[in-house]
């Protein structure tokens, strides 16, 4: 419902520490946790190979995969159309959509407020937030 409501009619949740605002209470809570939480109160996930630490276990896994894993031990996702290879399946999907899909066959995501269009939904969402709210 909030996606289709005029920004003047939306109850905005505002951060008390910075200009950040959002339409969703959950997003404000996540913002507060990531931006304004005392670092001593955070449960950090520490890398066993270096001094890197992360708030999320998934970020630590990505760090270990990208920095401390031998390239022969990585399960690579390879493009069937070109030599491109990546460590994450979602990146391969995006690559295929962007590089190997005929423009007529693409399911374009179009902005309802202007002529902008994109092949990826999250990019349209970012466009809507930055240009139309």
Foldseek 3Di string as FASTA:
>chain_A
DVVPDAPVPADWDADPPDGDIDRDPVVNVVCCVVPPDDPVPADWDADPPDRDIDSDPVVSVVCCVVPPDDPVPADWDADPPDRDIDRDPVVNVVCCQVPPDDPVPAPWDADPPDGDIDRDPVVVVVCCVVPPD
